[in-house]
Amino acid sequence: MSKIVERRMWLPALGGLFGGRERYNWGVSTLPNAGLLLILIAISGGCAPREPGWAIGAGGGRPASLEAAGGGGGRPAAIVDGTTCSWAELQPWLAEASGGAVLQELAIDRRLKREFEGRGLALAAEAVMQERANLARSLSLSAGRGPDDGEVLVQRLRRERGLGDQRFAALLRRSAMLRQLVQSEVVVDEESVKRAWAARFGKRYRTRVIIVTTHAQASALLAQLTGAGADLPARFSRLAMESSTDESAARGGVLPPWSPEDPNIPLLLRQAGAGTAPGELSQILALDTGFGLLLVEGVVPETGRMLAEARSELEFEVRLRQERLLMDRLAAKMLQEAQVAPQDRALDWSWRATRRPE
C-alpha cells in the first residue's frame, strides 16, 4: 500500500481508529478501504489513576485474577513441546505485545458505558447487529464486490486484525454506541451526494509516484527525468523502483486510479493531478511522507453510471463517512480527557508505546 495518499483504513461502517491510529495511506491495501477502525481507538478512561507501583519487581505486576481469567484451577495456558506454559509466564510478554491496545479497548468501553448511563440511553441489540451488516456492506462496496462477498470480507478482516469472538463483539458494541451518540449531528445533503458520485464514478487519474526523503533527492530525480521524451514512463518506473520509499516502488510507482473529487486524497495531490497534462511530470511536491514527483499517465473517463442509479449506495457512503468523522472526533476528545495509569511494568511500556508511537 502506498503512503502517498492519506486514505485511512477506516472501516467507515464501524467508525474510526482501529487499535490506535493505524491507517493505510492509499493504494493496494490487503483489505479494501472500508471503515471499521474507530472502535478500538484508544479512548482511555475508566481506570482510576493511581501512583505507579509494580507488583512484581522488574517483571511487572500480575493481577490476582490472572489465572482465573485464563481458566483457573491451575490449568496451564498452553503446552509447548510437552511442557506446560503458565499464564504467569505469558503475562509480561502478552502485556508488552498488545496490552496497550487492549487497555484502550477496555477504557473506551467504560467511558462509553458511563456516557450512556449519564444520558439515560440504552443500546439495542438490533443496533449491534446493524453494525455488522454495515461493515459487510461497506467492505463489499469498497472492494467493488457483490453483497454476497461481505461476510467473506468480514472474516478476512477478523483474521488479519486478530479479532476473535470477544474482541469483535466488543468492537461492534463500541461502534454502535459511538454512532448513536453522534447521530443527531449527521446531515446528508445533495452536494455531498454529488461529490461522492464524482469521486466514485467521475473521471480518475492514472499516475505513478516517486517519494524520497529530501528535496535534494527529488531535484536530482527531476533532472534525470526532464527531457526523457517518449522514454519518460519507462525511466520513471525504473527510478521509482530504485529510489522511491513509497510502497508503490515495487510496481514502478503505479498508483490505483484516483478521483480529483475524493476528499480522502490530500488537496496538494489533487491539485497536482489537475494541473499536470497526461504524459507530463509535476513539480516537486512536499508531502507528509517526503518529497514527491507525480507522473500523470492518463485520465480514466466517467463510468457512465447515473447519479440516480447509484443514489442509495452513495447516501449510505456519505452517511458513514460523516458518522466516522464525528465518531473519531468524539473518541479523540474522550481519549484526551482520560486518565489511565497502568500498574504493571510491561503493560505500562505497551501503553506508553501505543499512545506515543513516534
Protein backbone atom coordinates (compact mmCIF):
# COMPACT_ATOMS: atom_id res chain seq x y z
CA MET A 1 0.00 0.00 0.00
CA SER A 2 1.20 3.40 -0.90
CA LYS A 3 1.87 6.06 1.68
CA ILE A 4 1.40 8.93 -0.69
CA VAL A 5 -2.28 9.42 -0.18
CA GLU A 6 -3.70 9.56 3.27
CA ARG A 7 -6.78 7.43 2.82
CA ARG A 8 -7.31 5.98 6.26
CA MET A 9 -8.02 2.35 6.63
CA TRP A 10 -11.33 3.21 8.22
CA LEU A 11 -13.95 0.68 8.05
CA PRO A 12 -16.46 3.50 7.65
CA ALA A 13 -19.21 1.21 8.75
CA LEU A 14 -17.70 0.97 12.16
CA GLY A 15 -16.16 4.27 12.57
CA GLY A 16 -12.62 5.13 13.22
CA LEU A 17 -9.33 4.25 14.61
CA PHE A 18 -8.80 0.56 14.88
CA GLY A 19 -6.48 -0.19 17.74
CA GLY A 20 -4.89 3.21 17.68
CA ARG A 21 -4.02 5.39 14.72
CA GLU A 22 -3.47 2.58 12.34
CA ARG A 23 -4.12 3.64 8.78
CA TYR A 24 -3.28 2.73 5.30
CA ASN A 25 -2.41 5.70 3.29
CA TRP A 26 -3.58 4.58 -0.07
CA GLY A 27 -3.04 2.15 -2.79
CA VAL A 28 -3.22 -1.58 -2.75
CA SER A 29 -4.30 -2.49 0.71
CA THR A 30 -4.67 -6.07 1.81
CA LEU A 31 -8.14 -5.07 2.92
CA PRO A 32 -10.42 -2.75 1.00
CA ASN A 33 -10.95 0.75 2.30
CA ALA A 34 -13.98 0.08 4.33
CA GLY A 35 -14.46 1.59 7.65
CA LEU A 36 -14.07 -0.24 10.80
CA LEU A 37 -11.44 1.49 12.66
CA LEU A 38 -12.72 3.66 15.36
CA ILE A 39 -13.95 1.19 17.68
CA LEU A 40 -10.65 0.12 19.01
CA ILE A 41 -9.36 3.63 19.16
CA ALA A 42 -7.60 4.39 22.22
CA ILE A 43 -10.07 6.11 24.29
CA SER A 44 -8.89 5.90 27.74
CA GLY A 45 -10.83 6.47 30.81
CA GLY A 46 -12.46 4.34 33.39
CA CYS A 47 -9.25 3.22 35.03
CA ALA A 48 -8.77 5.29 38.12
CA PRO A 49 -5.36 7.00 38.21
CA ARG A 50 -3.03 5.70 40.88
CA GLU A 51 0.59 6.14 41.66
CA PRO A 52 2.68 3.64 39.68
CA GLY A 53 3.82 0.71 41.73
CA TRP A 54 4.97 -2.52 40.20
CA ALA A 55 3.58 -5.55 41.93
CA ILE A 56 6.37 -7.89 40.92
CA GLY A 57 9.82 -6.41 40.54
CA ALA A 58 11.22 -5.95 37.05
CA GLY A 59 8.82 -8.42 35.54
CA GLY A 60 5.80 -6.27 36.11
CA GLY A 61 2.76 -6.97 38.22
CA ARG A 62 0.48 -9.92 37.77
CA PRO A 63 -3.19 -9.39 38.56
CA ALA A 64 -4.50 -11.69 41.24
CA SER A 65 -7.26 -12.83 38.91
CA LEU A 66 -4.96 -13.74 36.05
CA GLU A 67 -5.23 -17.49 36.45
CA ALA A 68 -8.98 -17.18 36.85
CA ALA A 69 -9.17 -15.22 33.63
CA GLY A 70 -7.19 -17.92 31.89
CA GLY A 71 -9.33 -20.78 33.08
CA GLY A 72 -8.50 -21.13 36.78
CA GLY A 73 -7.76 -24.27 38.71
CA GLY A 74 -4.08 -24.14 37.84
CA ARG A 75 -4.83 -25.02 34.22
CA PRO A 76 -1.87 -24.03 32.01
CA ALA A 77 -2.26 -21.52 29.22
CA ALA A 78 -0.60 -23.86 26.73
CA ILE A 79 1.55 -26.94 26.33
CA VAL A 80 4.70 -26.36 24.29
CA ASP A 81 6.77 -29.38 23.25
CA GLY A 82 5.27 -31.42 26.04
CA THR A 83 5.89 -28.86 28.79
CA THR A 84 3.33 -26.54 30.32
CA CYS A 85 3.32 -22.78 29.86
CA SER A 86 1.58 -20.89 32.65
CA TRP A 87 -0.38 -17.65 32.43
CA ALA A 88 2.15 -16.10 34.78
CA GLU A 89 4.89 -16.88 32.27
CA LEU A 90 2.92 -15.48 29.34
CA GLN A 91 1.55 -12.38 31.03
CA PRO A 92 4.52 -9.98 30.70
CA TRP A 93 5.00 -10.86 27.04
CA LEU A 94 1.29 -10.54 26.27
CA ALA A 95 1.14 -7.23 28.08
CA GLU A 96 4.07 -5.85 26.12
CA ALA A 97 2.84 -7.20 22.78
CA SER A 98 -0.73 -5.93 22.87
CA GLY A 99 -1.62 -4.81 26.37
CA GLY A 100 -1.72 -1.14 25.46
CA ALA A 101 -4.23 -1.70 22.65
CA VAL A 102 -6.41 -3.94 24.82
CA LEU A 103 -6.32 -1.38 27.62
CA GLN A 104 -7.53 1.22 25.15
CA GLU A 105 -10.42 -1.04 24.20
CA LEU A 106 -11.33 -1.52 27.85
CA ALA A 107 -11.05 2.18 28.53
CA ILE A 108 -13.35 3.21 25.70
CA ASP A 109 -15.88 0.58 26.77
CA ARG A 110 -16.02 2.05 30.25
CA ARG A 111 -16.11 5.63 29.05
CA LEU A 112 -18.97 4.90 26.67
CA LYS A 113 -20.88 2.99 29.31
CA ARG A 114 -20.71 5.99 31.64
CA GLU A 115 -21.75 8.32 28.83
CA PHE A 116 -24.79 6.17 28.03
CA GLU A 117 -25.76 5.93 31.67
CA GLY A 118 -25.36 9.67 32.11
CA ARG A 119 -27.67 10.39 29.18
CA GLY A 120 -30.18 7.69 30.07
CA LEU A 121 -29.54 5.83 26.81
CA ALA A 122 -29.76 2.13 26.06
CA LEU A 123 -28.08 0.12 23.32
CA ALA A 124 -30.47 -2.08 21.38
CA ALA A 125 -29.31 -5.50 20.23
CA GLU A 126 -30.55 -4.56 16.74
CA ALA A 127 -28.07 -1.68 16.63
CA VAL A 128 -25.16 -4.06 17.21
CA MET A 129 -26.45 -6.39 14.51
CA GLN A 130 -26.73 -3.43 12.16
CA GLU A 131 -23.07 -2.59 12.76
CA ARG A 132 -22.06 -5.97 11.40
CA ALA A 133 -24.37 -5.56 8.41
CA ASN A 134 -22.96 -2.08 7.76
CA LEU A 135 -19.44 -3.42 7.95
CA ALA A 136 -20.13 -6.21 5.46
CA ARG A 137 -21.82 -3.81 3.05
CA SER A 138 -19.09 -1.21 3.37
CA LEU A 139 -16.34 -3.75 2.76
CA SER A 140 -18.16 -5.06 -0.31
CA LEU A 141 -18.69 -1.61 -1.79
CA SER A 142 -15.11 -0.56 -1.14
CA ALA A 143 -13.76 -3.72 -2.75
CA GLY A 144 -16.09 -3.48 -5.73
CA ARG A 145 -17.57 -6.84 -4.82
CA GLY A 146 -21.13 -8.06 -4.61
CA PRO A 147 -23.15 -8.10 -1.38
CA ASP A 148 -22.72 -11.87 -1.09
CA ASP A 149 -18.98 -11.34 -0.53
CA GLY A 150 -19.48 -9.13 2.52
CA GLU A 151 -19.28 -11.89 5.11
CA VAL A 152 -16.17 -13.35 3.48
CA LEU A 153 -14.50 -9.94 3.74
CA VAL A 154 -15.59 -9.57 7.36
CA GLN A 155 -13.98 -12.90 8.22
CA ARG A 156 -10.84 -11.88 6.36
CA LEU A 157 -10.73 -8.64 8.31
CA ARG A 158 -11.08 -10.50 11.58
CA ARG A 159 -8.21 -12.84 10.75
CA GLU A 160 -5.91 -10.02 9.63
CA ARG A 161 -6.73 -7.87 12.66
CA GLY A 162 -6.76 -10.59 15.29
CA LEU A 163 -10.42 -10.10 16.17
CA GLY A 164 -11.65 -13.16 17.99
CA ASP A 165 -15.22 -13.58 19.16
CA GLN A 166 -14.88 -11.46 22.30
CA ARG A 167 -12.98 -8.53 20.82
CA PHE A 168 -15.09 -8.46 17.67
CA ALA A 169 -18.33 -8.42 19.67
CA ALA A 170 -16.95 -5.62 21.84
CA LEU A 171 -15.86 -3.71 18.76
CA LEU A 172 -19.37 -3.85 17.30
CA ARG A 173 -20.84 -2.61 20.59
CA ARG A 174 -18.39 0.28 20.77
CA SER A 175 -19.16 1.29 17.24
CA ALA A 176 -22.90 1.14 17.79
CA MET A 177 -22.64 3.28 20.91
CA LEU A 178 -20.44 5.88 19.25
CA ARG A 179 -22.77 6.03 16.26
CA GLN A 180 -25.79 6.52 18.47
CA LEU A 181 -24.09 9.37 20.31
CA VAL A 182 -23.30 11.34 17.14
CA GLN A 183 -26.43 10.57 15.14
CA SER A 184 -28.12 13.93 15.68
CA GLU A 185 -25.17 15.74 14.04
CA VAL A 186 -25.23 13.83 10.75
CA VAL A 187 -26.57 15.64 7.67
CA VAL A 188 -26.64 14.01 4.23
CA ASP A 189 -27.18 16.82 1.71
CA GLU A 190 -27.37 16.81 -2.07
CA GLU A 191 -23.98 18.44 -2.55
CA SER A 192 -22.29 15.70 -0.52
CA VAL A 193 -24.00 13.02 -2.58
CA LYS A 194 -22.89 14.69 -5.84
CA ARG A 195 -19.28 14.83 -4.63
CA ALA A 196 -19.46 11.17 -3.68
CA TRP A 197 -20.75 10.35 -7.17
CA ALA A 198 -17.88 12.28 -8.76
CA ALA A 199 -15.33 10.51 -6.55
CA ARG A 200 -16.63 7.06 -7.42
CA PHE A 201 -17.93 7.34 -10.95
CA GLY A 202 -16.38 10.51 -12.37
CA LYS A 203 -13.06 10.88 -14.11
CA ARG A 204 -9.94 9.47 -12.43
CA TYR A 205 -6.24 9.89 -12.97
CA ARG A 206 -3.77 7.12 -13.81
CA THR A 207 -0.50 8.09 -12.18
CA ARG A 208 2.89 6.99 -10.94
CA VAL A 209 4.72 8.45 -7.98
CA ILE A 210 8.22 8.63 -6.56
CA ILE A 211 8.71 9.59 -2.91
CA VAL A 212 12.13 10.36 -1.46
CA THR A 213 13.33 11.73 1.84
CA THR A 214 14.89 15.07 0.85
CA HIS A 215 14.22 17.87 -1.58
CA ALA A 216 17.73 17.43 -2.97
CA GLN A 217 17.00 13.82 -3.88
CA ALA A 218 13.77 14.83 -5.59
CA SER A 219 15.61 17.57 -7.52
CA ALA A 220 18.21 15.08 -8.73
CA LEU A 221 15.50 12.69 -9.92
CA LEU A 222 13.63 15.51 -11.64
CA ALA A 223 16.81 16.39 -13.52
CA GLN A 224 17.16 12.79 -14.70
CA LEU A 225 13.56 12.72 -15.89
CA THR A 226 13.49 16.08 -17.61
CA GLY A 227 13.76 15.73 -21.36
CA ALA A 228 13.15 11.98 -21.33
CA GLY A 229 10.52 12.32 -24.02
CA ALA A 230 8.86 9.06 -25.05
CA ASP A 231 11.10 7.20 -22.61
CA LEU A 232 9.62 9.07 -19.61
CA PRO A 233 7.26 6.31 -18.33
CA ALA A 234 9.96 3.62 -18.50
CA ARG A 235 12.59 5.86 -16.91
CA PHE A 236 10.18 6.98 -14.20
CA SER A 237 9.29 3.35 -13.45
CA ARG A 238 12.96 2.38 -13.17
CA LEU A 239 13.82 5.29 -10.88
CA ALA A 240 10.76 4.58 -8.74
CA MET A 241 11.90 1.00 -8.19
CA GLU A 242 15.44 2.14 -7.44
CA SER A 243 14.79 5.21 -5.28
CA SER A 244 11.23 5.56 -4.04
CA THR A 245 10.48 4.97 -0.38
CA ASP A 246 6.79 4.56 -1.15
CA GLU A 247 5.26 1.10 -1.13
CA SER A 248 4.32 1.55 -4.77
CA ALA A 249 8.04 1.38 -5.68
CA ALA A 250 7.85 -2.35 -6.45
CA ARG A 251 5.21 -1.56 -9.08
CA GLY A 252 7.27 1.17 -10.67
CA GLY A 253 5.38 3.79 -8.69
CA VAL A 254 1.97 2.86 -10.12
CA LEU A 255 -0.97 4.07 -8.02
CA PRO A 256 -4.57 2.91 -8.36
CA PRO A 257 -6.70 5.35 -10.37
CA TRP A 258 -7.93 8.15 -8.10
CA SER A 259 -10.51 10.89 -8.36
CA PRO A 260 -9.78 14.61 -8.02
CA GLU A 261 -13.04 14.80 -6.07
CA ASP A 262 -12.05 12.23 -3.47
CA PRO A 263 -11.82 14.06 -0.10
CA ASN A 264 -9.61 11.29 1.27
CA ILE A 265 -6.81 12.40 -1.06
CA PRO A 266 -4.66 15.36 0.01
CA LEU A 267 -5.50 18.61 -1.73
CA LEU A 268 -1.91 19.05 -2.90
CA LEU A 269 -2.01 15.79 -4.84
CA ARG A 270 -5.41 16.55 -6.33
CA GLN A 271 -4.15 19.93 -7.48
CA ALA A 272 -1.03 18.37 -8.99
CA GLY A 273 -3.10 15.85 -10.92
CA ALA A 274 -5.48 18.50 -12.23
CA GLY A 275 -2.62 20.81 -13.20
CA THR A 276 -0.47 18.25 -14.99
CA ALA A 277 -1.26 17.11 -18.53
CA PRO A 278 -1.17 13.39 -19.37
CA GLY A 279 2.37 12.36 -20.15
CA GLU A 280 3.84 15.17 -18.08
CA LEU A 281 5.61 15.45 -14.71
CA SER A 282 4.50 17.52 -11.77
CA GLN A 283 6.77 19.85 -9.90
CA ILE A 284 8.27 18.57 -6.65
CA LEU A 285 5.52 18.01 -4.08
CA ALA A 286 6.14 18.48 -0.36
CA LEU A 287 4.09 15.64 1.13
CA ASP A 288 3.75 14.33 4.66
CA THR A 289 5.72 11.24 3.69
CA GLY A 290 8.56 13.08 1.92
CA PHE A 291 9.16 14.88 -1.37
CA GLY A 292 7.37 13.51 -4.38
CA LEU A 293 7.17 13.55 -8.15
CA LEU A 294 3.92 12.66 -9.89
CA LEU A 295 3.68 11.37 -13.43
CA VAL A 296 0.20 11.63 -14.92
CA GLU A 297 -0.12 8.83 -17.46
CA GLY A 298 -3.74 9.32 -18.44
CA VAL A 299 -7.30 10.06 -17.45
CA VAL A 300 -9.98 7.41 -16.95
CA PRO A 301 -13.31 8.82 -18.19
CA GLU A 302 -16.57 8.77 -16.28
CA THR A 303 -18.14 5.35 -15.94
CA GLY A 304 -21.48 6.49 -17.27
CA ARG A 305 -23.38 5.39 -14.21
CA MET A 306 -26.06 7.94 -13.41
CA LEU A 307 -26.38 9.55 -10.00
CA ALA A 308 -30.00 8.45 -9.66
CA GLU A 309 -28.99 4.84 -10.21
CA ALA A 310 -26.31 4.96 -7.51
CA ARG A 311 -28.05 7.29 -5.07
CA SER A 312 -28.85 4.69 -2.42
CA GLU A 313 -25.28 3.44 -2.03
CA LEU A 314 -23.87 6.97 -2.29
CA GLU A 315 -26.11 8.21 0.50
CA PHE A 316 -25.02 5.21 2.53
CA GLU A 317 -21.36 6.06 1.96
CA VAL A 318 -21.83 9.76 2.72
CA ARG A 319 -23.65 8.98 5.94
CA LEU A 320 -20.99 6.51 7.04
CA ARG A 321 -18.21 8.98 6.26
CA GLN A 322 -19.84 11.72 8.30
CA GLU A 323 -20.56 9.36 11.15
CA ARG A 324 -16.97 8.14 11.10
CA LEU A 325 -15.57 11.67 11.31
CA LEU A 326 -17.90 12.59 14.15
CA MET A 327 -17.19 9.33 15.95
CA ASP A 328 -13.46 9.91 15.62
CA ARG A 329 -13.82 13.41 17.00
CA LEU A 330 -15.81 12.19 19.98
CA ALA A 331 -13.38 9.34 20.59
CA ALA A 332 -10.38 11.65 20.39
CA LYS A 333 -11.99 14.01 22.89
CA MET A 334 -12.59 11.15 25.29
CA LEU A 335 -9.03 9.98 24.86
CA GLN A 336 -7.66 13.45 25.53
CA GLU A 337 -9.63 13.69 28.77
CA ALA A 338 -8.92 10.18 30.00
CA GLN A 339 -6.56 9.31 32.81
CA VAL A 340 -5.07 5.82 32.65
CA ALA A 341 -2.31 4.64 34.95
CA PRO A 342 -1.14 1.07 34.24
CA GLN A 343 0.02 -0.67 37.41
CA ASP A 344 2.13 -3.27 35.64
CA ARG A 345 5.56 -2.52 34.18
CA ALA A 346 5.07 -4.44 30.92
CA LEU A 347 1.58 -3.02 30.45
CA ASP A 348 2.84 0.48 31.16
CA TRP A 349 5.51 0.08 28.48
CA SER A 350 2.91 -1.08 25.95
CA TRP A 351 0.51 1.69 26.92
CA ARG A 352 3.14 4.37 26.50
CA ALA A 353 4.30 2.91 23.19
CA THR A 354 0.71 2.81 21.93
CA ARG A 355 0.00 6.37 22.99
CA ARG A 356 3.28 7.71 21.62
CA PRO A 357 4.10 5.56 18.56
CA GLU A 358 6.58 8.15 17.28
